PDB file of all heavy atoms in Angstrom:
ATOM      1  N   ASP A   1       5.783  10.712  -8.009  1.00  0.00           N
ATOM      2  CA  ASP A   1       5.590   9.351  -7.518  1.00  0.00           C
ATOM      3  C   ASP A   1       5.508   9.464  -5.973  1.00  0.00           C
ATOM      4  O   ASP A   1       6.494   9.831  -5.291  1.00  0.00           O
ATOM      5  CB  ASP A   1       6.836   8.529  -7.927  1.00  0.00           C
ATOM      6  CG  ASP A   1       6.687   7.015  -7.574  1.00  0.00           C
ATOM      7  OD1 ASP A   1       5.891   6.720  -6.599  1.00  0.00           O
ATOM      8  OD2 ASP A   1       7.317   6.217  -8.231  1.00  0.00           O
ATOM      9  N   HIS A   2       4.335   9.163  -5.448  1.00  0.00           N
ATOM     10  CA  HIS A   2       4.055   9.380  -4.022  1.00  0.00           C
ATOM     11  C   HIS A   2       4.937   8.458  -3.152  1.00  0.00           C
ATOM     12  O   HIS A   2       5.095   8.708  -1.933  1.00  0.00           O
ATOM     13  CB  HIS A   2       2.595   9.075  -3.742  1.00  0.00           C
ATOM     14  CG  HIS A   2       1.705  10.129  -4.244  1.00  0.00           C
ATOM     15  ND1 HIS A   2       0.740   9.868  -5.221  1.00  0.00           N
ATOM     16  CD2 HIS A   2       1.501  11.442  -3.937  1.00  0.00           C
ATOM     17  CE1 HIS A   2       0.114  10.957  -5.484  1.00  0.00           C
ATOM     18  NE2 HIS A   2       0.532  11.925  -4.750  1.00  0.00           N
ATOM     19  N   ARG A   3       5.508   7.435  -3.683  1.00  0.00           N
ATOM     20  CA  ARG A   3       6.390   6.546  -2.975  1.00  0.00           C
ATOM     21  C   ARG A   3       7.741   7.310  -2.593  1.00  0.00           C
ATOM     22  O   ARG A   3       8.451   6.917  -1.709  1.00  0.00           O
ATOM     23  CB  ARG A   3       6.657   5.286  -3.714  1.00  0.00           C
ATOM     24  CG  ARG A   3       5.392   4.441  -3.977  1.00  0.00           C
ATOM     25  CD  ARG A   3       5.721   3.290  -4.935  1.00  0.00           C
ATOM     26  NE  ARG A   3       6.317   3.697  -6.128  1.00  0.00           N
ATOM     27  CZ  ARG A   3       6.808   2.856  -7.064  1.00  0.00           C
ATOM     28  NH1 ARG A   3       6.822   1.556  -6.733  1.00  0.00           N
ATOM     29  NH2 ARG A   3       7.289   3.324  -8.150  1.00  0.00           N
ATOM     30  N   LEU A   4       8.012   8.384  -3.337  1.00  0.00           N
ATOM     31  CA  LEU A   4       9.179   9.138  -3.127  1.00  0.00           C
ATOM     32  C   LEU A   4       8.967  10.294  -2.173  1.00  0.00           C
ATOM     33  O   LEU A   4       9.898  10.696  -1.466  1.00  0.00           O
ATOM     34  CB  LEU A   4       9.726   9.704  -4.479  1.00  0.00           C
ATOM     35  CG  LEU A   4      10.486   8.771  -5.353  1.00  0.00           C
ATOM     36  CD1 LEU A   4      10.613   9.383  -6.755  1.00  0.00           C
ATOM     37  CD2 LEU A   4      11.900   8.490  -4.795  1.00  0.00           C
ATOM     38  N   ASN A   5       7.727  10.870  -2.181  1.00  0.00           N
ATOM     39  CA  ASN A   5       7.554  12.106  -1.357  1.00  0.00           C
ATOM     40  C   ASN A   5       6.601  11.884  -0.191  1.00  0.00           C
ATOM     41  O   ASN A   5       6.276  12.886   0.496  1.00  0.00           O
ATOM     42  CB  ASN A   5       7.019  13.209  -2.242  1.00  0.00           C
ATOM     43  CG  ASN A   5       5.665  13.039  -2.779  1.00  0.00           C
ATOM     44  OD1 ASN A   5       4.984  12.078  -2.432  1.00  0.00           O
ATOM     45  ND2 ASN A   5       5.266  13.959  -3.678  1.00  0.00           N
ATOM     46  N   THR A   6       6.132  10.718   0.098  1.00  0.00           N
ATOM     47  CA  THR A   6       5.150  10.481   1.189  1.00  0.00           C
ATOM     48  C   THR A   6       5.566   9.226   1.990  1.00  0.00           C
ATOM     49  O   THR A   6       6.153   8.287   1.486  1.00  0.00           O
ATOM     50  CB  THR A   6       3.812  10.252   0.576  1.00  0.00           C
ATOM     51  OG1 THR A   6       3.516  11.398  -0.385  1.00  0.00           O
ATOM     52  CG2 THR A   6       2.722  10.205   1.595  1.00  0.00           C
ATOM     53  N   ARG A   7       5.152   9.246   3.218  1.00  0.00           N
ATOM     54  CA  ARG A   7       5.595   8.229   4.145  1.00  0.00           C
ATOM     55  C   ARG A   7       4.412   7.512   4.799  1.00  0.00           C
ATOM     56  O   ARG A   7       3.486   8.150   5.269  1.00  0.00           O
ATOM     57  CB  ARG A   7       6.478   8.880   5.276  1.00  0.00           C
ATOM     58  CG  ARG A   7       7.004   7.854   6.294  1.00  0.00           C
ATOM     59  CD  ARG A   7       7.703   8.688   7.470  1.00  0.00           C
ATOM     60  NE  ARG A   7       9.015   9.188   7.095  1.00  0.00           N
ATOM     61  CZ  ARG A   7       9.290  10.445   6.780  1.00  0.00           C
ATOM     62  NH1 ARG A   7       8.269  11.343   6.825  1.00  0.00           N
ATOM     63  NH2 ARG A   7      10.510  10.843   6.522  1.00  0.00           N
ATOM     64  N   THR A   8       4.473   6.180   4.841  1.00  0.00           N
ATOM     65  CA  THR A   8       3.474   5.438   5.613  1.00  0.00           C
ATOM     66  C   THR A   8       4.198   4.934   6.879  1.00  0.00           C
ATOM     67  O   THR A   8       5.302   4.418   6.859  1.00  0.00           O
ATOM     68  CB  THR A   8       2.949   4.208   4.769  1.00  0.00           C
ATOM     69  OG1 THR A   8       2.013   4.690   3.802  1.00  0.00           O
ATOM     70  CG2 THR A   8       2.230   3.192   5.619  1.00  0.00           C
ATOM     71  N   VAL A   9       3.470   5.007   8.000  1.00  0.00           N
ATOM     72  CA  VAL A   9       3.948   4.630   9.298  1.00  0.00           C
ATOM     73  C   VAL A   9       2.940   3.739  10.021  1.00  0.00           C
ATOM     74  O   VAL A   9       1.709   4.069  10.051  1.00  0.00           O
ATOM     75  CB  VAL A   9       4.248   5.833  10.192  1.00  0.00           C
ATOM     76  CG1 VAL A   9       4.837   5.357  11.533  1.00  0.00           C
ATOM     77  CG2 VAL A   9       5.227   6.842   9.425  1.00  0.00           C
ATOM     78  N   TYR A  10       3.343   2.620  10.624  1.00  0.00           N
ATOM     79  CA  TYR A  10       2.475   1.822  11.442  1.00  0.00           C
ATOM     80  C   TYR A  10       2.302   2.520  12.815  1.00  0.00           C
ATOM     81  O   TYR A  10       3.255   2.965  13.389  1.00  0.00           O
ATOM     82  CB  TYR A  10       3.030   0.396  11.595  1.00  0.00           C
ATOM     83  CG  TYR A  10       3.016  -0.446  10.468  1.00  0.00           C
ATOM     84  CD1 TYR A  10       4.122  -1.291  10.082  1.00  0.00           C
ATOM     85  CD2 TYR A  10       1.895  -0.495   9.528  1.00  0.00           C
ATOM     86  CE1 TYR A  10       4.115  -2.101   8.911  1.00  0.00           C
ATOM     87  CE2 TYR A  10       1.845  -1.255   8.454  1.00  0.00           C
ATOM     88  CZ  TYR A  10       2.992  -2.049   8.141  1.00  0.00           C
ATOM     89  OH  TYR A  10       2.947  -2.862   7.008  1.00  0.00           O
ATOM     90  N   LEU A  11       1.036   2.652  13.245  1.00  0.00           N
ATOM     91  CA  LEU A  11       0.780   3.284  14.500  1.00  0.00           C
ATOM     92  C   LEU A  11      -0.037   2.351  15.423  1.00  0.00           C
ATOM     93  O   LEU A  11      -0.682   1.401  14.977  1.00  0.00           O
ATOM     94  CB  LEU A  11      -0.101   4.600  14.280  1.00  0.00           C
ATOM     95  CG  LEU A  11       0.590   5.740  13.524  1.00  0.00           C
ATOM     96  CD1 LEU A  11      -0.330   6.951  13.482  1.00  0.00           C
ATOM     97  CD2 LEU A  11       1.913   6.114  14.240  1.00  0.00           C
ATOM     98  N   ASN A  12      -0.062   2.721  16.719  1.00  0.00           N
ATOM     99  CA  ASN A  12      -0.842   1.931  17.690  1.00  0.00           C
ATOM    100  C   ASN A  12      -2.291   2.204  17.434  1.00  0.00           C
ATOM    101  O   ASN A  12      -2.677   3.188  16.840  1.00  0.00           O
ATOM    102  CB  ASN A  12      -0.397   2.284  19.119  1.00  0.00           C
ATOM    103  CG  ASN A  12      -0.735   3.783  19.406  1.00  0.00           C
ATOM    104  OD1 ASN A  12      -1.774   4.141  19.638  1.00  0.00           O
ATOM    105  ND2 ASN A  12       0.338   4.590  19.391  1.00  0.00           N
ATOM    106  N   PRO A  13      -3.211   1.354  17.993  1.00  0.00           N
ATOM    107  CA  PRO A  13      -4.652   1.500  17.678  1.00  0.00           C
ATOM    108  C   PRO A  13      -5.240   2.805  18.155  1.00  0.00           C
ATOM    109  O   PRO A  13      -6.174   3.329  17.463  1.00  0.00           O
ATOM    110  CB  PRO A  13      -5.214   0.326  18.398  1.00  0.00           C
ATOM    111  CG  PRO A  13      -4.172  -0.732  18.525  1.00  0.00           C
ATOM    112  CD  PRO A  13      -2.939   0.114  18.642  1.00  0.00           C
ATOM    113  N   ILE A  14      -4.756   3.333  19.262  1.00  0.00           N
ATOM    114  CA  ILE A  14      -5.329   4.591  19.807  1.00  0.00           C
ATOM    115  C   ILE A  14      -4.944   5.760  18.804  1.00  0.00           C
ATOM    116  O   ILE A  14      -5.798   6.610  18.442  1.00  0.00           O
ATOM    117  CB  ILE A  14      -4.821   4.916  21.197  1.00  0.00           C
ATOM    118  CG1 ILE A  14      -5.297   3.812  22.209  1.00  0.00           C
ATOM    119  CG2 ILE A  14      -5.272   6.323  21.670  1.00  0.00           C
ATOM    120  CD1 ILE A  14      -4.772   4.001  23.577  1.00  0.00           C
ATOM    121  N   SER A  15      -3.700   5.835  18.400  1.00  0.00           N
ATOM    122  CA  SER A  15      -3.285   6.855  17.477  1.00  0.00           C
ATOM    123  C   SER A  15      -4.016   6.710  16.142  1.00  0.00           C
ATOM    124  O   SER A  15      -4.336   7.713  15.468  1.00  0.00           O
ATOM    125  CB  SER A  15      -1.775   6.873  17.298  1.00  0.00           C
ATOM    126  OG  SER A  15      -1.076   7.314  18.424  1.00  0.00           O
ATOM    127  N   ARG A  16      -4.159   5.491  15.714  1.00  0.00           N
ATOM    128  CA  ARG A  16      -4.900   5.286  14.444  1.00  0.00           C
ATOM    129  C   ARG A  16      -6.355   5.733  14.532  1.00  0.00           C
ATOM    130  O   ARG A  16      -6.882   6.316  13.558  1.00  0.00           O
ATOM    131  CB  ARG A  16      -4.880   3.821  14.074  1.00  0.00           C
ATOM    132  CG  ARG A  16      -3.598   3.394  13.335  1.00  0.00           C
ATOM    133  CD  ARG A  16      -3.706   1.900  12.984  1.00  0.00           C
ATOM    134  NE  ARG A  16      -4.857   1.590  12.239  1.00  0.00           N
ATOM    135  CZ  ARG A  16      -5.281   0.319  12.066  1.00  0.00           C
ATOM    136  NH1 ARG A  16      -4.652  -0.688  12.492  1.00  0.00           N
ATOM    137  NH2 ARG A  16      -6.343   0.111  11.379  1.00  0.00           N
ATOM    138  N   PHE A  17      -6.928   5.600  15.706  1.00  0.00           N
ATOM    139  CA  PHE A  17      -8.342   6.057  15.869  1.00  0.00           C
ATOM    140  C   PHE A  17      -8.372   7.586  15.797  1.00  0.00           C
ATOM    141  O   PHE A  17      -9.229   8.204  15.131  1.00  0.00           O
ATOM    142  CB  PHE A  17      -8.957   5.575  17.175  1.00  0.00           C
ATOM    143  CG  PHE A  17     -10.271   6.200  17.547  1.00  0.00           C
ATOM    144  CD1 PHE A  17     -11.430   5.790  16.927  1.00  0.00           C
ATOM    145  CD2 PHE A  17     -10.296   7.307  18.463  1.00  0.00           C
ATOM    146  CE1 PHE A  17     -12.614   6.413  17.230  1.00  0.00           C
ATOM    147  CE2 PHE A  17     -11.538   7.910  18.760  1.00  0.00           C
ATOM    148  CZ  PHE A  17     -12.662   7.474  18.099  1.00  0.00           C
ATOM    149  N   ILE A  18      -7.445   8.224  16.560  1.00  0.00           N
ATOM    150  CA  ILE A  18      -7.415   9.662  16.594  1.00  0.00           C
ATOM    151  C   ILE A  18      -7.149  10.232  15.178  1.00  0.00           C
ATOM    152  O   ILE A  18      -7.720  11.152  14.678  1.00  0.00           O
ATOM    153  CB  ILE A  18      -6.341  10.159  17.550  1.00  0.00           C
ATOM    154  CG1 ILE A  18      -6.735   9.768  19.000  1.00  0.00           C
ATOM    155  CG2 ILE A  18      -6.187  11.659  17.499  1.00  0.00           C
ATOM    156  CD1 ILE A  18      -5.650  10.039  20.055  1.00  0.00           C
ATOM    157  N   TYR A  19      -6.195   9.546  14.511  1.00  0.00           N
ATOM    158  CA  TYR A  19      -5.646  10.004  13.217  1.00  0.00           C
ATOM    159  C   TYR A  19      -6.486   9.448  12.009  1.00  0.00           C
ATOM    160  O   TYR A  19      -6.276   9.857  10.866  1.00  0.00           O
ATOM    161  CB  TYR A  19      -4.226   9.530  13.154  1.00  0.00           C
ATOM    162  CG  TYR A  19      -3.423  10.356  12.087  1.00  0.00           C
ATOM    163  CD1 TYR A  19      -3.615  11.643  11.798  1.00  0.00           C
ATOM    164  CD2 TYR A  19      -2.345   9.584  11.446  1.00  0.00           C
ATOM    165  CE1 TYR A  19      -2.820  12.293  10.825  1.00  0.00           C
ATOM    166  CE2 TYR A  19      -1.535  10.252  10.585  1.00  0.00           C
ATOM    167  CZ  TYR A  19      -1.779  11.605  10.179  1.00  0.00           C
ATOM    168  OH  TYR A  19      -0.961  12.201   9.317  1.00  0.00           O
ATOM    169  N   TRP A  20      -7.486   8.714  12.287  1.00  0.00           N
ATOM    170  CA  TRP A  20      -8.350   8.084  11.259  1.00  0.00           C
ATOM    171  C   TRP A  20      -7.592   7.478  10.147  1.00  0.00           C
ATOM    172  O   TRP A  20      -7.857   7.706   8.945  1.00  0.00           O
ATOM    173  CB  TRP A  20      -9.381   9.250  10.673  1.00  0.00           C
ATOM    174  CG  TRP A  20     -10.666   9.023  11.315  1.00  0.00           C
ATOM    175  CD1 TRP A  20     -11.076   8.166  12.310  1.00  0.00           C
ATOM    176  CD2 TRP A  20     -11.951   9.727  10.935  1.00  0.00           C
ATOM    177  NE1 TRP A  20     -12.430   8.319  12.632  1.00  0.00           N
ATOM    178  CE2 TRP A  20     -12.962   9.282  11.767  1.00  0.00           C
ATOM    179  CE3 TRP A  20     -12.163  10.718  10.078  1.00  0.00           C
ATOM    180  CZ2 TRP A  20     -14.242   9.798  11.690  1.00  0.00           C
ATOM    181  CZ3 TRP A  20     -13.437  11.222   9.950  1.00  0.00           C
ATOM    182  CH2 TRP A  20     -14.468  10.765  10.760  1.00  0.00           C
ATOM    183  N   ASN A  21      -6.595   6.666  10.506  1.00  0.00           N
ATOM    184  CA  ASN A  21      -5.830   5.875   9.578  1.00  0.00           C
ATOM    185  C   ASN A  21      -5.062   6.624   8.544  1.00  0.00           C
ATOM    186  O   ASN A  21      -4.579   6.079   7.535  1.00  0.00           O
ATOM    187  CB  ASN A  21      -6.721   4.898   8.834  1.00  0.00           C
ATOM    188  CG  ASN A  21      -7.234   3.729   9.686  1.00  0.00           C
ATOM    189  OD1 ASN A  21      -6.526   3.331  10.634  1.00  0.00           O
ATOM    190  ND2 ASN A  21      -8.404   3.210   9.384  1.00  0.00           N
ATOM    191  N   MET A  22      -4.797   7.915   8.740  1.00  0.00           N
ATOM    192  CA  MET A  22      -4.032   8.734   7.851  1.00  0.00           C
ATOM    193  C   MET A  22      -2.567   8.397   7.873  1.00  0.00           C
ATOM    194  O   MET A  22      -1.767   8.911   7.126  1.00  0.00           O
ATOM    195  CB  MET A  22      -4.234  10.237   8.076  1.00  0.00           C
ATOM    196  CG  MET A  22      -5.483  10.771   7.484  1.00  0.00           C
ATOM    197  SD  MET A  22      -5.535  10.646   5.687  1.00  0.00           S
ATOM    198  CE  MET A  22      -6.703   9.284   5.447  1.00  0.00           C
ATOM    199  N   ASN A  23      -2.164   7.485   8.801  1.00  0.00           N
ATOM    200  CA  ASN A  23      -0.768   7.038   8.834  1.00  0.00           C
ATOM    201  C   ASN A  23      -0.489   6.178   7.545  1.00  0.00           C
ATOM    202  O   ASN A  23       0.659   6.009   7.138  1.00  0.00           O
ATOM    203  CB  ASN A  23      -0.495   6.227  10.128  1.00  0.00           C
ATOM    204  CG  ASN A  23      -1.478   5.074  10.255  1.00  0.00           C
ATOM    205  OD1 ASN A  23      -2.681   5.332  10.501  1.00  0.00           O
ATOM    206  ND2 ASN A  23      -1.027   3.853  10.215  1.00  0.00           N
ATOM    207  N   TYR A  24      -1.588   5.715   6.916  1.00  0.00           N
ATOM    208  CA  TYR A  24      -1.325   5.020   5.616  1.00  0.00           C
ATOM    209  C   TYR A  24      -1.397   6.122   4.558  1.00  0.00           C
ATOM    210  O   TYR A  24      -2.302   6.249   3.705  1.00  0.00           O
ATOM    211  CB  TYR A  24      -2.523   4.048   5.384  1.00  0.00           C
ATOM    212  CG  TYR A  24      -2.538   2.832   6.355  1.00  0.00           C
ATOM    213  CD1 TYR A  24      -3.471   2.756   7.308  1.00  0.00           C
ATOM    214  CD2 TYR A  24      -1.539   1.931   6.251  1.00  0.00           C
ATOM    215  CE1 TYR A  24      -3.512   1.670   8.225  1.00  0.00           C
ATOM    216  CE2 TYR A  24      -1.518   0.813   7.196  1.00  0.00           C
ATOM    217  CZ  TYR A  24      -2.545   0.727   8.165  1.00  0.00           C
ATOM    218  OH  TYR A  24      -2.498  -0.290   9.058  1.00  0.00           O
ATOM    219  N   HIS A  25      -0.327   6.891   4.562  1.00  0.00           N
ATOM    220  CA  HIS A  25      -0.422   8.174   3.785  1.00  0.00           C
ATOM    221  C   HIS A  25      -0.044   7.991   2.354  1.00  0.00           C
ATOM    222  O   HIS A  25      -0.568   8.698   1.449  1.00  0.00           O
ATOM    223  CB  HIS A  25       0.450   9.247   4.445  1.00  0.00           C
ATOM    224  CG  HIS A  25      -0.109  10.576   4.319  1.00  0.00           C
ATOM    225  ND1 HIS A  25      -1.314  10.932   4.893  1.00  0.00           N
ATOM    226  CD2 HIS A  25       0.302  11.753   3.626  1.00  0.00           C
ATOM    227  CE1 HIS A  25      -1.642  12.226   4.614  1.00  0.00           C
ATOM    228  NE2 HIS A  25      -0.635  12.717   3.854  1.00  0.00           N
ATOM    229  N   VAL A  26       0.884   7.117   1.967  1.00  0.00           N
ATOM    230  CA  VAL A  26       1.148   6.843   0.620  1.00  0.00           C
ATOM    231  C   VAL A  26      -0.101   6.268  -0.043  1.00  0.00           C
ATOM    232  O   VAL A  26      -0.451   6.691  -1.158  1.00  0.00           O
ATOM    233  CB  VAL A  26       2.339   5.777   0.424  1.00  0.00           C
ATOM    234  CG1 VAL A  26       2.584   5.567  -1.041  1.00  0.00           C
ATOM    235  CG2 VAL A  26       3.624   6.299   1.125  1.00  0.00           C
ATOM    236  N   GLU A  27      -0.753   5.391   0.632  1.00  0.00           N
ATOM    237  CA  GLU A  27      -1.989   4.838   0.079  1.00  0.00           C
ATOM    238  C   GLU A  27      -3.016   5.886  -0.124  1.00  0.00           C
ATOM    239  O   GLU A  27      -3.704   5.839  -1.192  1.00  0.00           O
ATOM    240  CB  GLU A  27      -2.453   3.698   1.064  1.00  0.00           C
ATOM    241  CG  GLU A  27      -1.580   2.505   1.196  1.00  0.00           C
ATOM    242  CD  GLU A  27      -0.475   2.738   2.271  1.00  0.00           C
ATOM    243  OE1 GLU A  27      -0.192   3.931   2.612  1.00  0.00           O
ATOM    244  OE2 GLU A  27       0.201   1.776   2.632  1.00  0.00           O
ATOM    245  N   HIS A  28      -3.178   6.798   0.801  1.00  0.00           N
ATOM    246  CA  HIS A  28      -4.167   7.807   0.708  1.00  0.00           C
ATOM    247  C   HIS A  28      -3.871   8.734  -0.473  1.00  0.00           C
ATOM    248  O   HIS A  28      -4.790   9.103  -1.194  1.00  0.00           O
ATOM    249  CB  HIS A  28      -4.239   8.602   1.995  1.00  0.00           C
ATOM    250  CG  HIS A  28      -4.978   9.883   1.890  1.00  0.00           C
ATOM    251  ND1 HIS A  28      -6.391   9.973   1.626  1.00  0.00           N
ATOM    252  CD2 HIS A  28      -4.584  11.196   1.773  1.00  0.00           C
ATOM    253  CE1 HIS A  28      -6.749  11.215   1.494  1.00  0.00           C
ATOM    254  NE2 HIS A  28      -5.675  11.996   1.629  1.00  0.00           N
ATOM    255  N   HIS A  29      -2.595   9.106  -0.702  1.00  0.00           N
ATOM    256  CA  HIS A  29      -2.328   9.991  -1.776  1.00  0.00           C
ATOM    257  C   HIS A  29      -2.472   9.283  -3.131  1.00  0.00           C
ATOM    258  O   HIS A  29      -2.813   9.930  -4.101  1.00  0.00           O
ATOM    259  CB  HIS A  29      -0.867  10.552  -1.643  1.00  0.00           C
ATOM    260  CG  HIS A  29      -0.861  11.854  -0.895  1.00  0.00           C
ATOM    261  ND1 HIS A  29      -0.990  13.048  -1.596  1.00  0.00           N
ATOM    262  CD2 HIS A  29      -0.726  12.198   0.472  1.00  0.00           C
ATOM    263  CE1 HIS A  29      -0.898  14.047  -0.623  1.00  0.00           C
ATOM    264  NE2 HIS A  29      -0.780  13.520   0.544  1.00  0.00           N
ATOM    265  N   MET A  30      -2.190   8.038  -3.180  1.00  0.00           N
ATOM    266  CA  MET A  30      -2.331   7.326  -4.455  1.00  0.00           C
ATOM    267  C   MET A  30      -3.799   7.238  -4.789  1.00  0.00           C
ATOM    268  O   MET A  30      -4.234   7.356  -5.915  1.00  0.00           O
ATOM    269  CB  MET A  30      -1.815   5.931  -4.386  1.00  0.00           C
ATOM    270  CG  MET A  30      -0.323   5.850  -4.725  1.00  0.00           C
ATOM    271  SD  MET A  30       0.132   4.053  -4.998  1.00  0.00           S
ATOM    272  CE  MET A  30       1.871   4.235  -5.303  1.00  0.00           C
ATOM    273  N   PHE A  31      -4.678   6.959  -3.727  1.00  0.00           N
ATOM    274  CA  PHE A  31      -6.081   6.713  -3.984  1.00  0.00           C
ATOM    275  C   PHE A  31      -6.878   7.520  -2.992  1.00  0.00           C
ATOM    276  O   PHE A  31      -7.443   6.996  -2.014  1.00  0.00           O
ATOM    277  CB  PHE A  31      -6.435   5.240  -3.895  1.00  0.00           C
ATOM    278  CG  PHE A  31      -5.655   4.357  -4.798  1.00  0.00           C
ATOM    279  CD1 PHE A  31      -4.474   3.685  -4.475  1.00  0.00           C
ATOM    280  CD2 PHE A  31      -6.072   4.200  -6.160  1.00  0.00           C
ATOM    281  CE1 PHE A  31      -3.778   2.927  -5.355  1.00  0.00           C
ATOM    282  CE2 PHE A  31      -5.396   3.437  -7.066  1.00  0.00           C
ATOM    283  CZ  PHE A  31      -4.243   2.777  -6.676  1.00  0.00           C
ATOM    284  N   PRO A  32      -7.002   8.865  -3.154  1.00  0.00           N
ATOM    285  CA  PRO A  32      -7.568   9.734  -2.130  1.00  0.00           C
ATOM    286  C   PRO A  32      -9.042   9.530  -1.925  1.00  0.00           C
ATOM    287  O   PRO A  32      -9.653  10.065  -1.026  1.00  0.00           O
ATOM    288  CB  PRO A  32      -7.257  11.153  -2.668  1.00  0.00           C
ATOM    289  CG  PRO A  32      -7.083  10.951  -4.146  1.00  0.00           C
ATOM    290  CD  PRO A  32      -6.404   9.626  -4.316  1.00  0.00           C
ATOM    291  N   MET A  33      -9.725   8.816  -2.829  1.00  0.00           N
ATOM    292  CA  MET A  33     -11.182   8.639  -2.687  1.00  0.00           C
ATOM    293  C   MET A  33     -11.546   7.345  -1.992  1.00  0.00           C
ATOM    294  O   MET A  33     -12.709   6.992  -1.828  1.00  0.00           O
ATOM    295  CB  MET A  33     -11.861   8.695  -4.045  1.00  0.00           C
ATOM    296  CG  MET A  33     -11.669   9.991  -4.821  1.00  0.00           C
ATOM    297  SD  MET A  33     -11.939  11.464  -3.780  1.00  0.00           S
ATOM    298  CE  MET A  33     -13.785  11.305  -3.449  1.00  0.00           C
ATOM    299  N   VAL A  34     -10.555   6.647  -1.428  1.00  0.00           N
ATOM    300  CA  VAL A  34     -10.746   5.547  -0.626  1.00  0.00           C
ATOM    301  C   VAL A  34     -11.026   5.992   0.865  1.00  0.00           C
ATOM    302  O   VAL A  34     -10.157   6.708   1.405  1.00  0.00           O
ATOM    303  CB  VAL A  34      -9.546   4.528  -0.620  1.00  0.00           C
ATOM    304  CG1 VAL A  34      -9.786   3.411   0.390  1.00  0.00           C
ATOM    305  CG2 VAL A  34      -9.422   3.911  -2.007  1.00  0.00           C
ATOM    306  N   PRO A  35     -12.129   5.655   1.495  1.00  0.00           N
ATOM    307  CA  PRO A  35     -12.460   6.186   2.843  1.00  0.00           C
ATOM    308  C   PRO A  35     -11.415   5.726   3.823  1.00  0.00           C
ATOM    309  O   PRO A  35     -10.810   4.704   3.639  1.00  0.00           O
ATOM    310  CB  PRO A  35     -13.809   5.596   3.140  1.00  0.00           C
ATOM    311  CG  PRO A  35     -14.412   5.264   1.783  1.00  0.00           C
ATOM    312  CD  PRO A  35     -13.299   4.919   0.916  1.00  0.00           C
ATOM    313  N   TYR A  36     -11.347   6.443   4.978  1.00  0.00           N
ATOM    314  CA  TYR A  36     -10.322   6.191   5.955  1.00  0.00           C
ATOM    315  C   TYR A  36     -10.435   4.703   6.475  1.00  0.00           C
ATOM    316  O   TYR A  36      -9.419   4.044   6.814  1.00  0.00           O
ATOM    317  CB  TYR A  36     -10.378   7.137   7.099  1.00  0.00           C
ATOM    318  CG  TYR A  36     -11.566   6.929   8.045  1.00  0.00           C
ATOM    319  CD1 TYR A  36     -11.465   6.233   9.213  1.00  0.00           C
ATOM    320  CD2 TYR A  36     -12.825   7.430   7.692  1.00  0.00           C
ATOM    321  CE1 TYR A  36     -12.560   6.011  10.045  1.00  0.00           C
ATOM    322  CE2 TYR A  36     -13.951   7.257   8.565  1.00  0.00           C
ATOM    323  CZ  TYR A  36     -13.806   6.520   9.788  1.00  0.00           C
ATOM    324  OH  TYR A  36     -14.850   6.288  10.577  1.00  0.00           O
ATOM    325  N   HIS A  37     -11.621   4.220   6.624  1.00  0.00           N
ATOM    326  CA  HIS A  37     -11.825   2.908   7.285  1.00  0.00           C
ATOM    327  C   HIS A  37     -11.455   1.757   6.325  1.00  0.00           C
ATOM    328  O   HIS A  37     -11.261   0.616   6.776  1.00  0.00           O
ATOM    329  CB  HIS A  37     -13.317   2.697   7.699  1.00  0.00           C
ATOM    330  CG  HIS A  37     -14.269   2.944   6.654  1.00  0.00           C
ATOM    331  ND1 HIS A  37     -14.604   2.118   5.643  1.00  0.00           N
ATOM    332  CD2 HIS A  37     -15.099   4.049   6.411  1.00  0.00           C
ATOM    333  CE1 HIS A  37     -15.506   2.604   4.824  1.00  0.00           C
ATOM    334  NE2 HIS A  37     -15.834   3.804   5.294  1.00  0.00           N
ATOM    335  N   ALA A  38     -11.252   2.069   5.035  1.00  0.00           N
ATOM    336  CA  ALA A  38     -10.737   1.051   4.074  1.00  0.00           C
ATOM    337  C   ALA A  38      -9.264   1.108   3.831  1.00  0.00           C
ATOM    338  O   ALA A  38      -8.742   0.258   3.092  1.00  0.00           O
ATOM    339  CB  ALA A  38     -11.570   1.226   2.773  1.00  0.00           C
ATOM    340  N   LEU A  39      -8.550   2.048   4.382  1.00  0.00           N
ATOM    341  CA  LEU A  39      -7.164   2.219   4.088  1.00  0.00           C
ATOM    342  C   LEU A  39      -6.288   1.065   4.566  1.00  0.00           C
ATOM    343  O   LEU A  39      -5.301   0.654   3.828  1.00  0.00           O
ATOM    344  CB  LEU A  39      -6.551   3.519   4.739  1.00  0.00           C
ATOM    345  CG  LEU A  39      -7.020   4.807   4.046  1.00  0.00           C
ATOM    346  CD1 LEU A  39      -6.476   6.061   4.773  1.00  0.00           C
ATOM    347  CD2 LEU A  39      -6.551   4.815   2.652  1.00  0.00           C
ATOM    348  N   PRO A  40      -6.626   0.421   5.651  1.00  0.00           N
ATOM    349  CA  PRO A  40      -5.794  -0.850   6.037  1.00  0.00           C
ATOM    350  C   PRO A  40      -5.920  -1.901   4.976  1.00  0.00           C
ATOM    351  O   PRO A  40      -5.021  -2.608   4.631  1.00  0.00           O
ATOM    352  CB  PRO A  40      -6.403  -1.233   7.397  1.00  0.00           C
ATOM    353  CG  PRO A  40      -6.929   0.030   7.961  1.00  0.00           C
ATOM    354  CD  PRO A  40      -7.529   0.790   6.837  1.00  0.00           C
ATOM    355  N   LYS A  41      -7.117  -2.131   4.457  1.00  0.00           N
ATOM    356  CA  LYS A  41      -7.362  -3.078   3.422  1.00  0.00           C
ATOM    357  C   LYS A  41      -6.568  -2.651   2.125  1.00  0.00           C
ATOM    358  O   LYS A  41      -5.952  -3.506   1.442  1.00  0.00           O
ATOM    359  CB  LYS A  41      -8.851  -3.240   3.078  1.00  0.00           C
ATOM    360  CG  LYS A  41      -9.668  -3.899   4.188  1.00  0.00           C
ATOM    361  CD  LYS A  41     -11.072  -3.983   3.762  1.00  0.00           C
ATOM    362  CE  LYS A  41     -11.902  -4.709   4.871  1.00  0.00           C
ATOM    363  NZ  LYS A  41     -13.363  -4.852   4.484  1.00  0.00           N
TER     364      LYS A  41
END
């Protein structure tokens, strides 16, 4: 269960640009085929 082993963190816009929204990491692991630009949605 990715909610148990993965962490999502809100980041500032500059860090989010550098990191390409990978701070939404639980979301990414649940649905890895969602592109980085759609992770906030």
